[in-house]
Amino acid sequence: MSIFPNPSPTPGPQQQPANPAGTPQQSAPQPQYAAPAYYPPPPAAGMGFKIPLLFIAVLALIGANVYLFMQLNETKKALVKATDSAQDRLDKLEEATSVTTRSNRRTVDELRDQLERARRQAGLLAGQAKEEALKKVEETRAQLQAAQEQAQQQLKSDISQVKDATDTANTKISQVGTEVTTVKSDVAATRSELEKTVADLHRATGELDGHSVLIATNQKELQALRTLGERNYIEFTVRKSKQSTRVGDVSVLLKNADPKKNRYTIELTADDKTVEKKDRVVNEPLQFMTSKAKQPYELVVNDVKKDTIAGYLAVPKVMNTRN
């Protein structure tokens, strides 16, 4: 869909009025309007500063995702437990109701027998004896009715409690499911932005294998490289001194630093072998092999100051196994 307004619709064919001679007049050709070309807006700049926030957001969202899944699992277990408990209660209520019904039937039968006996006695007795027998019959009938009503009310109350517990569990499961879906969407979006940022990292050609390698020029880009998980990264700051500085399993001796030209000279010692890297520039990957790995090490200097250099050493994760 174009962001510009649609051109005026071309009128459809209409019958032209006839000239006085009865011949239809030729209509003038209608001009055709072409929609102007749509140019998408340029991509937003300044995504680099979002990398730590995105990384933290990924960790937070993943943690939230795991927490919500655990909550969902616990809720499901609680629902199953509540359902089993409700079913047990219903079974017990059915059994109790059955027992109560049988007991009530026996009671009714006994009361009927008592009623018949009382009626027979009432027919034989006169005066006060007859009134007492009728009163006892009414009391017995009232007791029987009250017992039946109480049993029905208790059964309704238990069933209502079970239904309320089930509805509450279903509501919690629905809420947790909605939150998990939202977190999954946020994690996917954040991961997509992080991958795009990593794709924009600087690349340089290695001096040993001639392949293009990713390098970080600042702390944010170094954090993005750590997120990829392809190498171990050791940050360092080396000052000019007579003694070399240990960086991981290698040693670095700063011999010269020129902050105006962003150039430096160092002596690099690995496997008891010392090599001079002379007049190198910042953000240039220095590759060298060691006996501990089949892939080259990479040393990158990001900052050159007076008598000081700072950067990182990228060490391969797969190391040689000692025989």
C-alpha atoms as a PDB file:
ATOM      1  CA  MET A   1       0.000   0.000   0.000  1.00  0.00           C
ATOM      2  CA  SER A   2       1.425   3.422  -0.943  1.00  0.00           C
ATOM      3  CA  ILE A   3       1.807   6.133   1.636  1.00  0.00           C
ATOM      4  CA  PHE A   4       0.696   8.709  -0.981  1.00  0.00           C
ATOM      5  CA  PRO A   5      -2.979   9.371  -1.667  1.00  0.00           C
ATOM      6  CA  ASN A   6      -4.555   7.317  -4.429  1.00  0.00           C
ATOM      7  CA  PRO A   7      -4.891   9.063  -7.764  1.00  0.00           C
ATOM      8  CA  SER A   8      -8.291  10.103  -8.943  1.00  0.00           C
ATOM      9  CA  PRO A   9     -10.143   7.057 -10.262  1.00  0.00           C
ATOM     10  CA  THR A  10     -10.388   6.882 -14.031  1.00  0.00           C
ATOM     11  CA  PRO A  11     -13.984   7.337 -14.982  1.00  0.00           C
ATOM     12  CA  GLY A  12     -15.604   4.349 -16.624  1.00  0.00           C
ATOM     13  CA  PRO A  13     -17.053   4.430 -20.100  1.00  0.00           C
ATOM     14  CA  GLN A  14     -20.189   6.514 -20.342  1.00  0.00           C
ATOM     15  CA  GLN A  15     -22.513   7.064 -23.275  1.00  0.00           C
ATOM     16  CA  GLN A  16     -21.719  10.341 -25.028  1.00  0.00           C
ATOM     17  CA  PRO A  17     -24.550  12.549 -26.185  1.00  0.00           C
ATOM     18  CA  ALA A  18     -25.165  12.455 -29.915  1.00  0.00           C
ATOM     19  CA  ASN A  19     -24.464  15.405 -32.117  1.00  0.00           C
ATOM     20  CA  PRO A  20     -27.284  16.897 -34.004  1.00  0.00           C
ATOM     21  CA  ALA A  21     -26.601  14.472 -36.889  1.00  0.00           C
ATOM     22  CA  GLY A  22     -27.214  11.504 -34.527  1.00  0.00           C
ATOM     23  CA  THR A  23     -23.556  10.293 -34.478  1.00  0.00           C
ATOM     24  CA  PRO A  24     -21.967   9.808 -31.029  1.00  0.00           C
ATOM     25  CA  GLN A  25     -19.183  12.248 -30.308  1.00  0.00           C
ATOM     26  CA  GLN A  26     -15.658  10.829 -29.753  1.00  0.00           C
ATOM     27  CA  SER A  27     -14.630  11.273 -26.126  1.00  0.00           C
ATOM     28  CA  ALA A  28     -11.238  12.751 -25.419  1.00  0.00           C
ATOM     29  CA  PRO A  29      -8.685  10.216 -23.999  1.00  0.00           C
ATOM     30  CA  GLN A  30      -8.575  10.310 -20.224  1.00  0.00           C
ATOM     31  CA  PRO A  31      -5.132  10.966 -18.661  1.00  0.00           C
ATOM     32  CA  GLN A  32      -3.584   8.040 -16.765  1.00  0.00           C
ATOM     33  CA  TYR A  33      -2.041   8.747 -13.324  1.00  0.00           C
ATOM     34  CA  ALA A  34       0.867   6.659 -12.121  1.00  0.00           C
ATOM     35  CA  ALA A  35       1.335   6.249  -8.381  1.00  0.00           C
ATOM     36  CA  PRO A  36       4.589   7.846  -7.182  1.00  0.00           C
ATOM     37  CA  ALA A  37       7.335   5.414  -6.208  1.00  0.00           C
ATOM     38  CA  TYR A  38       7.565   4.508  -2.504  1.00  0.00           C
ATOM     39  CA  TYR A  39      10.946   4.738  -0.832  1.00  0.00           C
ATOM     40  CA  PRO A  40      11.184   2.967   2.506  1.00  0.00           C
ATOM     41  CA  PRO A  41      12.531   5.067   5.367  1.00  0.00           C
ATOM     42  CA  PRO A  42      16.225   4.594   6.142  1.00  0.00           C
ATOM     43  CA  PRO A  43      17.041   2.179   8.966  1.00  0.00           C
ATOM     44  CA  ALA A  44      17.404   3.716  12.373  1.00  0.00           C
ATOM     45  CA  ALA A  45      20.967   4.420  13.460  1.00  0.00           C
ATOM     46  CA  GLY A  46      22.567   4.108  16.876  1.00  0.00           C
ATOM     47  CA  MET A  47      21.741   0.464  17.594  1.00  0.00           C
ATOM     48  CA  GLY A  48      25.181  -0.225  19.033  1.00  0.00           C
ATOM     49  CA  PHE A  49      24.431   1.199  22.473  1.00  0.00           C
ATOM     50  CA  LYS A  50      21.494  -1.177  22.870  1.00  0.00           C
ATOM     51  CA  ILE A  51      23.627  -4.336  22.874  1.00  0.00           C
ATOM     52  CA  PRO A  52      24.145  -4.624  26.696  1.00  0.00           C
ATOM     53  CA  LEU A  53      20.535  -3.738  27.311  1.00  0.00           C
ATOM     54  CA  LEU A  54      19.416  -6.309  24.774  1.00  0.00           C
ATOM     55  CA  PHE A  55      21.721  -8.922  26.277  1.00  0.00           C
ATOM     56  CA  ILE A  56      20.453  -8.206  29.787  1.00  0.00           C
ATOM     57  CA  ALA A  57      16.902  -8.231  28.469  1.00  0.00           C
ATOM     58  CA  VAL A  58      17.537 -11.642  26.864  1.00  0.00           C
ATOM     59  CA  LEU A  59      18.821 -13.046  30.178  1.00  0.00           C
ATOM     60  CA  ALA A  60      15.939 -11.471  32.099  1.00  0.00           C
ATOM     61  CA  LEU A  61      13.345 -12.717  29.656  1.00  0.00           C
ATOM     62  CA  ILE A  62      14.843 -16.197  29.568  1.00  0.00           C
ATOM     63  CA  GLY A  63      14.844 -16.217  33.368  1.00  0.00           C
ATOM     64  CA  ALA A  64      11.241 -15.004  33.385  1.00  0.00           C
ATOM     65  CA  ASN A  65      10.390 -17.670  30.825  1.00  0.00           C
ATOM     66  CA  VAL A  66      11.921 -20.411  33.018  1.00  0.00           C
ATOM     67  CA  TYR A  67      10.226 -18.995  36.126  1.00  0.00           C
ATOM     68  CA  LEU A  68       6.829 -18.855  34.398  1.00  0.00           C
ATOM     69  CA  PHE A  69       7.240 -22.389  33.081  1.00  0.00           C
ATOM     70  CA  MET A  70       8.003 -23.527  36.633  1.00  0.00           C
ATOM     71  CA  GLN A  71       4.934 -21.648  37.869  1.00  0.00           C
ATOM     72  CA  LEU A  72       2.839 -23.275  35.152  1.00  0.00           C
ATOM     73  CA  ASN A  73       4.162 -26.709  36.104  1.00  0.00           C
ATOM     74  CA  GLU A  74       3.452 -26.084  39.802  1.00  0.00           C
ATOM     75  CA  THR A  75      -0.040 -24.803  38.960  1.00  0.00           C
ATOM     76  CA  LYS A  76      -0.715 -27.888  36.860  1.00  0.00           C
ATOM     77  CA  LYS A  77       0.458 -30.102  39.727  1.00  0.00           C
ATOM     78  CA  ALA A  78      -1.760 -28.159  42.128  1.00  0.00           C
ATOM     79  CA  LEU A  79      -4.702 -28.536  39.723  1.00  0.00           C
ATOM     80  CA  VAL A  80      -4.131 -32.277  39.420  1.00  0.00           C
ATOM     81  CA  LYS A  81      -3.838 -32.541  43.204  1.00  0.00           C
ATOM     82  CA  ALA A  82      -6.983 -30.436  43.698  1.00  0.00           C
ATOM     83  CA  THR A  83      -8.855 -32.515  41.104  1.00  0.00           C
ATOM     84  CA  ASP A  84      -7.783 -35.767  42.760  1.00  0.00           C
ATOM     85  CA  SER A  85      -8.735 -34.384  46.145  1.00  0.00           C
ATOM     86  CA  ALA A  86     -12.086 -33.224  44.785  1.00  0.00           C
ATOM     87  CA  GLN A  87     -12.703 -36.626  43.221  1.00  0.00           C
ATOM     88  CA  ASP A  88     -11.856 -38.314  46.525  1.00  0.00           C
ATOM     89  CA  ARG A  89     -14.212 -35.980  48.338  1.00  0.00           C
ATOM     90  CA  LEU A  90     -16.946 -36.648  45.806  1.00  0.00           C
ATOM     91  CA  ASP A  91     -16.415 -40.397  46.163  1.00  0.00           C
ATOM     92  CA  LYS A  92     -16.543 -40.072  49.922  1.00  0.00           C
ATOM     93  CA  LEU A  93     -19.631 -37.858  49.672  1.00  0.00           C
ATOM     94  CA  GLU A  94     -21.329 -40.370  47.377  1.00  0.00           C
ATOM     95  CA  GLU A  95     -20.468 -43.163  49.798  1.00  0.00           C
ATOM     96  CA  ALA A  96     -21.582 -41.074  52.767  1.00  0.00           C
ATOM     97  CA  THR A  97     -24.761 -40.078  50.940  1.00  0.00           C
ATOM     98  CA  SER A  98     -25.456 -43.706  50.112  1.00  0.00           C
ATOM     99  CA  VAL A  99     -24.887 -44.699  53.709  1.00  0.00           C
ATOM    100  CA  THR A 100     -27.010 -41.781  54.879  1.00  0.00           C
ATOM    101  CA  THR A 101     -29.770 -42.711  52.419  1.00  0.00           C
ATOM    102  CA  ARG A 102     -29.795 -46.309  53.619  1.00  0.00           C
ATOM    103  CA  SER A 103     -29.743 -45.108  57.191  1.00  0.00           C
ATOM    104  CA  ASN A 104     -32.576 -42.672  56.481  1.00  0.00           C
ATOM    105  CA  ARG A 105     -34.554 -45.411  54.813  1.00  0.00           C
ATOM    106  CA  ARG A 106     -34.122 -47.605  57.846  1.00  0.00           C
ATOM    107  CA  THR A 107     -35.022 -44.671  60.054  1.00  0.00           C
ATOM    108  CA  VAL A 108     -38.084 -43.915  57.918  1.00  0.00           C
ATOM    109  CA  ASP A 109     -39.151 -47.523  58.057  1.00  0.00           C
ATOM    110  CA  GLU A 110     -38.661 -47.555  61.790  1.00  0.00           C
ATOM    111  CA  LEU A 111     -40.509 -44.256  62.127  1.00  0.00           C
ATOM    112  CA  ARG A 112     -43.313 -45.589  59.966  1.00  0.00           C
ATOM    113  CA  ASP A 113     -43.583 -48.604  62.202  1.00  0.00           C
ATOM    114  CA  GLN A 114     -43.529 -46.336  65.216  1.00  0.00           C
ATOM    115  CA  LEU A 115     -46.125 -44.127  63.539  1.00  0.00           C
ATOM    116  CA  GLU A 116     -48.380 -47.059  62.853  1.00  0.00           C
ATOM    117  CA  ARG A 117     -47.976 -48.296  66.369  1.00  0.00           C
ATOM    118  CA  ALA A 118     -48.644 -44.811  67.715  1.00  0.00           C
ATOM    119  CA  ARG A 119     -51.708 -44.484  65.544  1.00  0.00           C
ATOM    120  CA  ARG A 120     -53.008 -47.806  66.736  1.00  0.00           C
ATOM    121  CA  GLN A 121     -52.282 -46.809  70.290  1.00  0.00           C
ATOM    122  CA  ALA A 122     -53.891 -43.410  69.692  1.00  0.00           C
ATOM    123  CA  GLY A 123     -56.987 -45.119  68.402  1.00  0.00           C
ATOM    124  CA  LEU A 124     -57.190 -47.162  71.572  1.00  0.00           C
ATOM    125  CA  LEU A 125     -56.306 -44.419  73.976  1.00  0.00           C
ATOM    126  CA  ALA A 126     -58.423 -41.424  74.658  1.00  0.00           C
ATOM    127  CA  GLY A 127     -57.873 -37.989  75.990  1.00  0.00           C
ATOM    128  CA  GLN A 128     -54.337 -37.162  77.110  1.00  0.00           C
ATOM    129  CA  ALA A 129     -52.797 -40.418  75.891  1.00  0.00           C
ATOM    130  CA  LYS A 130     -54.028 -39.777  72.341  1.00  0.00           C
ATOM    131  CA  GLU A 131     -52.642 -36.216  72.334  1.00  0.00           C
ATOM    132  CA  GLU A 132     -49.228 -37.379  73.538  1.00  0.00           C
ATOM    133  CA  ALA A 133     -49.075 -40.018  70.810  1.00  0.00           C
ATOM    134  CA  LEU A 134     -49.918 -37.468  68.093  1.00  0.00           C
ATOM    135  CA  LYS A 135     -47.311 -35.068  69.479  1.00  0.00           C
ATOM    136  CA  LYS A 136     -44.661 -37.731  69.356  1.00  0.00           C
ATOM    137  CA  VAL A 137     -45.561 -38.505  65.779  1.00  0.00           C
ATOM    138  CA  GLU A 138     -45.144 -34.856  64.767  1.00  0.00           C
ATOM    139  CA  GLU A 139     -41.823 -34.582  66.572  1.00  0.00           C
ATOM    140  CA  THR A 140     -40.543 -37.681  64.834  1.00  0.00           C
ATOM    141  CA  ARG A 141     -41.629 -36.368  61.447  1.00  0.00           C
ATOM    142  CA  ALA A 142     -39.933 -32.984  62.083  1.00  0.00           C
ATOM    143  CA  GLN A 143     -36.684 -34.684  63.114  1.00  0.00           C
ATOM    144  CA  LEU A 144     -36.674 -36.800  59.965  1.00  0.00           C
ATOM    145  CA  GLN A 145     -37.251 -33.788  57.704  1.00  0.00           C
ATOM    146  CA  ALA A 146     -34.525 -31.730  59.435  1.00  0.00           C
ATOM    147  CA  ALA A 147     -32.017 -34.579  59.058  1.00  0.00           C
ATOM    148  CA  GLN A 148     -32.711 -34.875  55.328  1.00  0.00           C
ATOM    149  CA  GLU A 149     -32.403 -31.111  54.743  1.00  0.00           C
ATOM    150  CA  GLN A 150     -29.103 -30.960  56.645  1.00  0.00           C
ATOM    151  CA  ALA A 151     -27.622 -33.806  54.568  1.00  0.00           C
ATOM    152  CA  GLN A 152     -28.640 -32.092  51.303  1.00  0.00           C
ATOM    153  CA  GLN A 153     -27.181 -28.732  52.351  1.00  0.00           C
ATOM    154  CA  GLN A 154     -23.850 -30.346  53.328  1.00  0.00           C
ATOM    155  CA  LEU A 155     -23.647 -32.129  49.971  1.00  0.00           C
ATOM    156  CA  LYS A 156     -24.347 -28.893  48.030  1.00  0.00           C
ATOM    157  CA  SER A 157     -21.723 -26.996  50.053  1.00  0.00           C
ATOM    158  CA  ASP A 158     -18.993 -29.584  49.367  1.00  0.00           C
ATOM    159  CA  ILE A 159     -19.752 -29.675  45.631  1.00  0.00           C
ATOM    160  CA  SER A 160     -19.654 -25.845  45.461  1.00  0.00           C
ATOM    161  CA  GLN A 161     -16.227 -25.745  47.152  1.00  0.00           C
ATOM    162  CA  VAL A 162     -14.814 -28.285  44.694  1.00  0.00           C
ATOM    163  CA  LYS A 163     -16.126 -26.277  41.717  1.00  0.00           C
ATOM    164  CA  ASP A 164     -14.629 -23.038  43.084  1.00  0.00           C
ATOM    165  CA  ALA A 165     -11.196 -24.673  43.517  1.00  0.00           C
ATOM    166  CA  THR A 166     -11.298 -26.053  39.965  1.00  0.00           C
ATOM    167  CA  ASP A 167     -12.306 -22.688  38.453  1.00  0.00           C
ATOM    168  CA  THR A 168      -9.505 -20.902  40.336  1.00  0.00           C
ATOM    169  CA  ALA A 169      -6.885 -23.376  39.092  1.00  0.00           C
ATOM    170  CA  ASN A 170      -8.089 -23.042  35.490  1.00  0.00           C
ATOM    171  CA  THR A 171      -7.891 -19.246  35.722  1.00  0.00           C
ATOM    172  CA  LYS A 172      -4.293 -19.382  37.029  1.00  0.00           C
ATOM    173  CA  ILE A 173      -3.243 -21.764  34.237  1.00  0.00           C
ATOM    174  CA  SER A 174      -4.765 -19.475  31.614  1.00  0.00           C
ATOM    175  CA  GLN A 175      -2.947 -16.421  33.032  1.00  0.00           C
ATOM    176  CA  VAL A 176       0.409 -18.232  33.177  1.00  0.00           C
ATOM    177  CA  GLY A 177      -0.017 -19.488  29.603  1.00  0.00           C
ATOM    178  CA  THR A 178      -0.686 -15.950  28.364  1.00  0.00           C
ATOM    179  CA  GLU A 179       2.400 -14.596  30.179  1.00  0.00           C
ATOM    180  CA  VAL A 180       4.598 -17.399  28.772  1.00  0.00           C
ATOM    181  CA  THR A 181       3.423 -16.615  25.233  1.00  0.00           C
ATOM    182  CA  THR A 182       4.231 -12.923  25.731  1.00  0.00           C
ATOM    183  CA  VAL A 183       7.699 -13.699  27.103  1.00  0.00           C
ATOM    184  CA  LYS A 184       8.440 -16.025  24.166  1.00  0.00           C
ATOM    185  CA  SER A 185       7.537 -13.250  21.721  1.00  0.00           C
ATOM    186  CA  ASP A 186       9.744 -10.726  23.575  1.00  0.00           C
ATOM    187  CA  VAL A 187      12.684 -13.163  23.682  1.00  0.00           C
ATOM    188  CA  ALA A 188      12.381 -13.881  19.957  1.00  0.00           C
ATOM    189  CA  ALA A 189      12.308 -10.158  19.106  1.00  0.00           C
ATOM    190  CA  THR A 190      15.267  -9.364  21.377  1.00  0.00           C
ATOM    191  CA  ARG A 191      17.295 -12.267  20.001  1.00  0.00           C
ATOM    192  CA  SER A 192      16.597 -11.095  16.437  1.00  0.00           C
ATOM    193  CA  GLU A 193      17.859  -7.584  17.242  1.00  0.00           C
ATOM    194  CA  LEU A 194      20.955  -9.013  18.957  1.00  0.00           C
ATOM    195  CA  GLU A 195      21.784 -11.177  15.930  1.00  0.00           C
ATOM    196  CA  LYS A 196      21.406  -8.160  13.664  1.00  0.00           C
ATOM    197  CA  THR A 197      23.775  -6.145  15.878  1.00  0.00           C
ATOM    198  CA  VAL A 198      26.350  -8.968  15.874  1.00  0.00           C
ATOM    199  CA  ALA A 199      26.129  -9.084  12.063  1.00  0.00           C
ATOM    200  CA  ASP A 200      27.142  -5.410  11.977  1.00  0.00           C
ATOM    201  CA  LEU A 201      30.392  -6.010  13.864  1.00  0.00           C
ATOM    202  CA  HIS A 202      33.666  -4.998  12.226  1.00  0.00           C
ATOM    203  CA  ARG A 203      35.507  -7.593  10.163  1.00  0.00           C
ATOM    204  CA  ALA A 204      39.218  -7.832   9.425  1.00  0.00           C
ATOM    205  CA  THR A 205      41.386 -10.264   7.469  1.00  0.00           C
ATOM    206  CA  GLY A 206      43.553 -12.554   9.552  1.00  0.00           C
ATOM    207  CA  GLU A 207      47.266 -12.398   8.808  1.00  0.00           C
ATOM    208  CA  LEU A 208      47.732 -16.176   9.165  1.00  0.00           C
ATOM    209  CA  ASP A 209      44.720 -17.907   7.565  1.00  0.00           C
ATOM    210  CA  GLY A 210      43.576 -15.014   5.369  1.00  0.00           C
ATOM    211  CA  HIS A 211      39.987 -15.446   6.499  1.00  0.00           C
ATOM    212  CA  SER A 212      37.689 -12.655   7.617  1.00  0.00           C
ATOM    213  CA  VAL A 213      37.377 -12.495  11.404  1.00  0.00           C
ATOM    214  CA  LEU A 214      35.068 -10.543  13.686  1.00  0.00           C
ATOM    215  CA  ILE A 215      36.754  -7.948  15.898  1.00  0.00           C
ATOM    216  CA  ALA A 216      35.404  -5.707  18.636  1.00  0.00           C
ATOM    217  CA  THR A 217      36.372  -2.060  18.781  1.00  0.00           C
ATOM    218  CA  ASN A 218      34.711  -1.230  22.082  1.00  0.00           C
ATOM    219  CA  GLN A 219      33.250  -2.821  25.200  1.00  0.00           C
ATOM    220  CA  LYS A 220      29.772  -3.203  23.723  1.00  0.00           C
ATOM    221  CA  GLU A 221      31.007  -5.076  20.679  1.00  0.00           C
ATOM    222  CA  LEU A 222      33.208  -7.270  22.875  1.00  0.00           C
ATOM    223  CA  GLN A 223      30.137  -8.204  24.896  1.00  0.00           C
ATOM    224  CA  ALA A 224      28.395  -9.146  21.636  1.00  0.00           C
ATOM    225  CA  LEU A 225      31.316 -11.427  20.712  1.00  0.00           C
ATOM    226  CA  ARG A 226      31.073 -13.084  24.123  1.00  0.00           C
ATOM    227  CA  THR A 227      27.390 -13.688  23.446  1.00  0.00           C
ATOM    228  CA  LEU A 228      28.299 -15.638  20.306  1.00  0.00           C
ATOM    229  CA  GLY A 229      30.328 -17.991  22.491  1.00  0.00           C
ATOM    230  CA  GLU A 230      32.845 -18.976  19.808  1.00  0.00           C
ATOM    231  CA  ARG A 231      35.965 -17.951  21.792  1.00  0.00           C
ATOM    232  CA  ASN A 232      37.104 -16.988  25.259  1.00  0.00           C
ATOM    233  CA  TYR A 233      37.988 -13.289  25.568  1.00  0.00           C
ATOM    234  CA  ILE A 234      40.576 -11.942  28.023  1.00  0.00           C
ATOM    235  CA  GLU A 235      40.772  -8.161  28.434  1.00  0.00           C
ATOM    236  CA  PHE A 236      44.155  -6.591  29.256  1.00  0.00           C
ATOM    237  CA  THR A 237      45.928  -3.321  29.939  1.00  0.00           C
ATOM    238  CA  VAL A 238      49.700  -3.337  29.384  1.00  0.00           C
ATOM    239  CA  ARG A 239      51.970  -0.503  30.549  1.00  0.00           C
ATOM    240  CA  LYS A 240      55.464   0.154  29.294  1.00  0.00           C
ATOM    241  CA  SER A 241      57.904  -1.628  31.558  1.00  0.00           C
ATOM    242  CA  LYS A 242      61.032  -3.724  31.557  1.00  0.00           C
ATOM    243  CA  GLN A 243      58.986  -6.749  32.584  1.00  0.00           C
ATOM    244  CA  SER A 244      56.393  -8.335  30.300  1.00  0.00           C
ATOM    245  CA  THR A 245      52.740  -8.598  31.350  1.00  0.00           C
ATOM    246  CA  ARG A 246      50.983 -11.952  31.489  1.00  0.00           C
ATOM    247  CA  VAL A 247      47.782 -12.112  29.379  1.00  0.00           C
ATOM    248  CA  GLY A 248      46.193 -15.547  29.563  1.00  0.00           C
ATOM    249  CA  ASP A 249      48.892 -18.073  28.657  1.00  0.00           C
ATOM    250  CA  VAL A 250      51.031 -15.566  26.691  1.00  0.00           C
ATOM    251  CA  SER A 251      53.226 -12.588  27.672  1.00  0.00           C
ATOM    252  CA  VAL A 252      53.145  -9.063  26.214  1.00  0.00           C
ATOM    253  CA  LEU A 253      55.954  -6.488  26.500  1.00  0.00           C
ATOM    254  CA  LEU A 254      55.150  -2.934  25.374  1.00  0.00           C
ATOM    255  CA  LYS A 255      58.152  -1.322  23.686  1.00  0.00           C
ATOM    256  CA  ASN A 256      56.601   1.763  22.111  1.00  0.00           C
ATOM    257  CA  ALA A 257      53.203   3.534  22.034  1.00  0.00           C
ATOM    258  CA  ASP A 258      52.282   6.449  19.777  1.00  0.00           C
ATOM    259  CA  PRO A 259      48.794   7.756  20.685  1.00  0.00           C
ATOM    260  CA  LYS A 260      48.849  10.433  17.966  1.00  0.00           C
ATOM    261  CA  LYS A 261      49.185   7.857  15.184  1.00  0.00           C
ATOM    262  CA  ASN A 262      47.392   5.081  17.119  1.00  0.00           C
ATOM    263  CA  ARG A 263      50.388   2.804  16.597  1.00  0.00           C
ATOM    264  CA  TYR A 264      52.364   0.568  18.918  1.00  0.00           C
ATOM    265  CA  THR A 265      55.172  -2.005  19.040  1.00  0.00           C
ATOM    266  CA  ILE A 266      55.147  -5.055  21.299  1.00  0.00           C
ATOM    267  CA  GLU A 267      57.054  -8.262  21.929  1.00  0.00           C
ATOM    268  CA  LEU A 268      54.749 -11.287  22.088  1.00  0.00           C
ATOM    269  CA  THR A 269      55.937 -14.445  23.877  1.00  0.00           C
ATOM    270  CA  ALA A 270      54.125 -17.791  23.458  1.00  0.00           C
ATOM    271  CA  ASP A 271      55.518 -21.331  23.869  1.00  0.00           C
ATOM    272  CA  ASP A 272      58.853 -19.770  24.984  1.00  0.00           C
ATOM    273  CA  LYS A 273      59.158 -18.046  21.596  1.00  0.00           C
ATOM    274  CA  THR A 274      59.264 -14.243  21.337  1.00  0.00           C
ATOM    275  CA  VAL A 275      58.103 -12.378  18.232  1.00  0.00           C
ATOM    276  CA  GLU A 276      58.178  -8.602  17.745  1.00  0.00           C
ATOM    277  CA  LYS A 277      55.029  -6.992  16.326  1.00  0.00           C
ATOM    278  CA  LYS A 278      56.321  -3.647  15.138  1.00  0.00           C
ATOM    279  CA  ASP A 279      54.406  -0.498  14.203  1.00  0.00           C
ATOM    280  CA  ARG A 280      50.909  -2.032  14.460  1.00  0.00           C
ATOM    281  CA  VAL A 281      47.675  -0.011  14.457  1.00  0.00           C
ATOM    282  CA  VAL A 282      44.657  -0.165  16.738  1.00  0.00           C
ATOM    283  CA  ASN A 283      41.863  -2.669  16.001  1.00  0.00           C
ATOM    284  CA  GLU A 284      44.264  -4.780  13.909  1.00  0.00           C
ATOM    285  CA  PRO A 285      43.990  -8.504  14.756  1.00  0.00           C
ATOM    286  CA  LEU A 286      47.406 -10.022  15.497  1.00  0.00           C
ATOM    287  CA  GLN A 287      47.153 -13.768  14.858  1.00  0.00           C
ATOM    288  CA  PHE A 288      49.673 -16.300  16.161  1.00  0.00           C
ATOM    289  CA  MET A 289      49.731 -20.060  16.677  1.00  0.00           C
ATOM    290  CA  THR A 290      50.497 -21.965  19.872  1.00  0.00           C
ATOM    291  CA  SER A 291      50.976 -25.644  20.610  1.00  0.00           C
ATOM    292  CA  LYS A 292      47.815 -25.626  22.733  1.00  0.00           C
ATOM    293  CA  ALA A 293      45.308 -25.021  19.935  1.00  0.00           C
ATOM    294  CA  LYS A 294      44.832 -25.801  16.251  1.00  0.00           C
ATOM    295  CA  GLN A 295      43.226 -22.410  15.650  1.00  0.00           C
ATOM    296  CA  PRO A 296      45.188 -19.149  15.905  1.00  0.00           C
ATOM    297  CA  TYR A 297      45.050 -16.843  18.895  1.00  0.00           C
ATOM    298  CA  GLU A 298      43.942 -13.266  18.142  1.00  0.00           C
ATOM    299  CA  LEU A 299      45.251 -10.203  19.999  1.00  0.00           C
ATOM    300  CA  VAL A 300      43.506  -6.881  19.333  1.00  0.00           C
ATOM    301  CA  VAL A 301      44.564  -3.495  20.765  1.00  0.00           C
ATOM    302  CA  ASN A 302      41.622  -1.075  20.938  1.00  0.00           C
ATOM    303  CA  ASP A 303      43.223   1.884  22.702  1.00  0.00           C
ATOM    304  CA  VAL A 304      46.723   3.426  22.564  1.00  0.00           C
ATOM    305  CA  LYS A 305      47.752   5.983  25.167  1.00  0.00           C
ATOM    306  CA  LYS A 306      51.075   7.286  26.366  1.00  0.00           C
ATOM    307  CA  ASP A 307      53.067   4.239  27.513  1.00  0.00           C
ATOM    308  CA  THR A 308      49.854   2.170  27.744  1.00  0.00           C
ATOM    309  CA  ILE A 309      47.806  -0.091  25.456  1.00  0.00           C
ATOM    310  CA  ALA A 310      44.506  -1.832  26.145  1.00  0.00           C
ATOM    311  CA  GLY A 311      42.559  -4.490  24.290  1.00  0.00           C
ATOM    312  CA  TYR A 312      41.649  -8.175  24.427  1.00  0.00           C
ATOM    313  CA  LEU A 313      43.017 -11.642  23.634  1.00  0.00           C
ATOM    314  CA  ALA A 314      40.687 -14.102  21.839  1.00  0.00           C
ATOM    315  CA  VAL A 315      41.515 -17.701  22.762  1.00  0.00           C
ATOM    316  CA  PRO A 316      39.985 -20.703  20.899  1.00  0.00           C
ATOM    317  CA  LYS A 317      37.630 -22.781  23.022  1.00  0.00           C
ATOM    318  CA  VAL A 318      38.768 -26.077  21.466  1.00  0.00           C
ATOM    319  CA  MET A 319      42.258 -26.839  22.769  1.00  0.00           C
ATOM    320  CA  ASN A 320      44.618 -29.699  21.922  1.00  0.00           C
ATOM    321  CA  THR A 321      44.383 -32.759  24.168  1.00  0.00           C
ATOM    322  CA  ARG A 322      47.603 -33.831  25.854  1.00  0.00           C
ATOM    323  CA  ASN A 323      48.622 -37.418  25.100  1.00  0.00           C
END
